[in-house]
């Protein structure tokens, strides 16, 4: 499945804390302080969240996240947010 991600102009991942997503506020404080990356199913939706200092990149195969999970965890990123899904690495 193809998904889309927002990165900055230097192609660095745009991370957010889980507490920045209002729909996940019911989770524990420990969980809310985890770093996340957000993926989108639709390029139009991704572009709507993108500002002028960012761009959208295509991830043609979601298995890539399994391969890079150790690197993401090393950077403190332990969750992926996708629409109404929260995915743990």
Protein backbone atom coordinates (compact mmCIF):
# COMPACT_ATOMS: atom_id res chain seq x y z
CA UNK A 1 0.00 0.00 0.00
CA UNK A 2 1.25 3.48 -0.84
CA UNK A 3 1.24 6.17 1.86
CA UNK A 4 2.51 9.74 2.05
CA UNK A 5 4.59 11.53 4.68
CA UNK A 6 5.41 15.15 5.40
CA UNK A 7 9.10 16.05 5.66
CA UNK A 8 10.92 19.35 5.87
CA UNK A 9 12.84 20.82 2.95
CA UNK A 10 15.99 18.94 4.03
CA UNK A 11 14.02 15.65 3.88
CA UNK A 12 14.09 15.34 7.67
CA UNK A 13 11.13 13.63 9.31
CA UNK A 14 8.51 15.89 10.82
CA UNK A 15 7.84 14.49 14.29
CA UNK A 16 5.13 15.43 16.74
CA UNK A 17 4.29 14.32 20.23
CA UNK A 18 1.17 12.22 20.55
CA UNK A 19 -0.30 14.88 22.86
CA UNK A 20 -0.52 17.21 19.82
CA UNK A 21 -3.34 15.05 18.40
CA UNK A 22 -6.63 15.89 20.15
CA UNK A 23 -8.21 12.56 19.22
CA UNK A 24 -5.65 10.64 21.34
CA UNK A 25 -6.00 12.71 24.55
CA UNK A 26 -7.66 9.80 26.40
CA UNK A 27 -4.31 7.94 26.55
CA UNK A 28 -2.00 7.99 29.58
CA UNK A 29 0.46 10.86 30.12
CA UNK A 30 3.37 8.50 29.45
CA UNK A 31 1.87 7.51 26.12
CA UNK A 32 1.07 11.12 25.17
CA UNK A 33 4.75 12.06 25.56
CA UNK A 34 5.87 9.64 22.83
CA UNK A 35 7.23 10.99 19.53
CA UNK A 36 5.27 10.12 16.41
CA UNK A 37 5.38 10.45 12.66
CA UNK A 38 2.19 10.82 10.67
CA UNK A 39 1.37 9.01 7.45
CA UNK A 40 -1.50 9.72 5.09
CA UNK A 41 -3.41 7.44 2.72
CA UNK A 42 -4.21 10.28 0.33
CA UNK A 43 -1.77 12.79 -1.17
CA UNK A 44 -4.37 15.57 -1.14
CA UNK A 45 -4.90 15.10 2.59
CA UNK A 46 -1.13 15.14 3.20
CA UNK A 47 -0.71 18.33 1.18
CA UNK A 48 -3.47 20.01 3.19
CA UNK A 49 -1.34 19.57 6.35
CA UNK A 50 1.87 20.70 4.63
CA UNK A 51 3.21 24.24 4.96
CA UNK A 52 5.63 26.11 2.69
CA UNK A 53 8.72 24.82 4.53
CA UNK A 54 7.64 21.21 4.11
CA UNK A 55 6.92 18.78 1.32
CA UNK A 56 5.11 15.50 0.85
CA UNK A 57 6.98 12.33 -0.08
CA UNK A 58 5.55 9.08 -1.33
CA UNK A 59 6.28 5.82 0.50
CA UNK A 60 5.41 3.17 -2.10
CA UNK A 61 5.74 0.20 0.25
CA UNK A 62 4.70 0.31 3.90
CA UNK A 63 7.02 -2.62 4.68
CA UNK A 64 9.71 0.06 4.71
CA UNK A 65 8.56 1.01 8.21
CA UNK A 66 9.39 -2.51 9.45
CA UNK A 67 12.90 -2.18 8.03
CA UNK A 68 13.59 1.25 9.52
CA UNK A 69 11.85 0.66 12.88
CA UNK A 70 15.16 0.27 14.77
CA UNK A 71 16.41 3.60 13.34
CA UNK A 72 13.14 5.36 14.20
CA UNK A 73 13.24 3.96 17.73
CA UNK A 74 16.83 5.19 18.06
CA UNK A 75 15.58 8.69 17.25
CA UNK A 76 12.87 8.36 19.91
CA UNK A 77 10.02 7.83 17.44
CA UNK A 78 7.89 4.96 18.72
CA UNK A 79 4.46 5.51 17.14
CA UNK A 80 2.99 6.08 13.68
CA UNK A 81 -0.30 7.95 13.38
CA UNK A 82 -2.55 7.18 10.40
CA UNK A 83 -6.07 8.65 10.34
CA UNK A 84 -7.78 6.85 13.24
CA UNK A 85 -5.00 4.28 13.78
CA UNK A 86 -2.08 4.40 16.19
CA UNK A 87 0.69 1.97 15.24
CA UNK A 88 3.43 0.99 17.70
CA UNK A 89 6.91 0.27 16.35
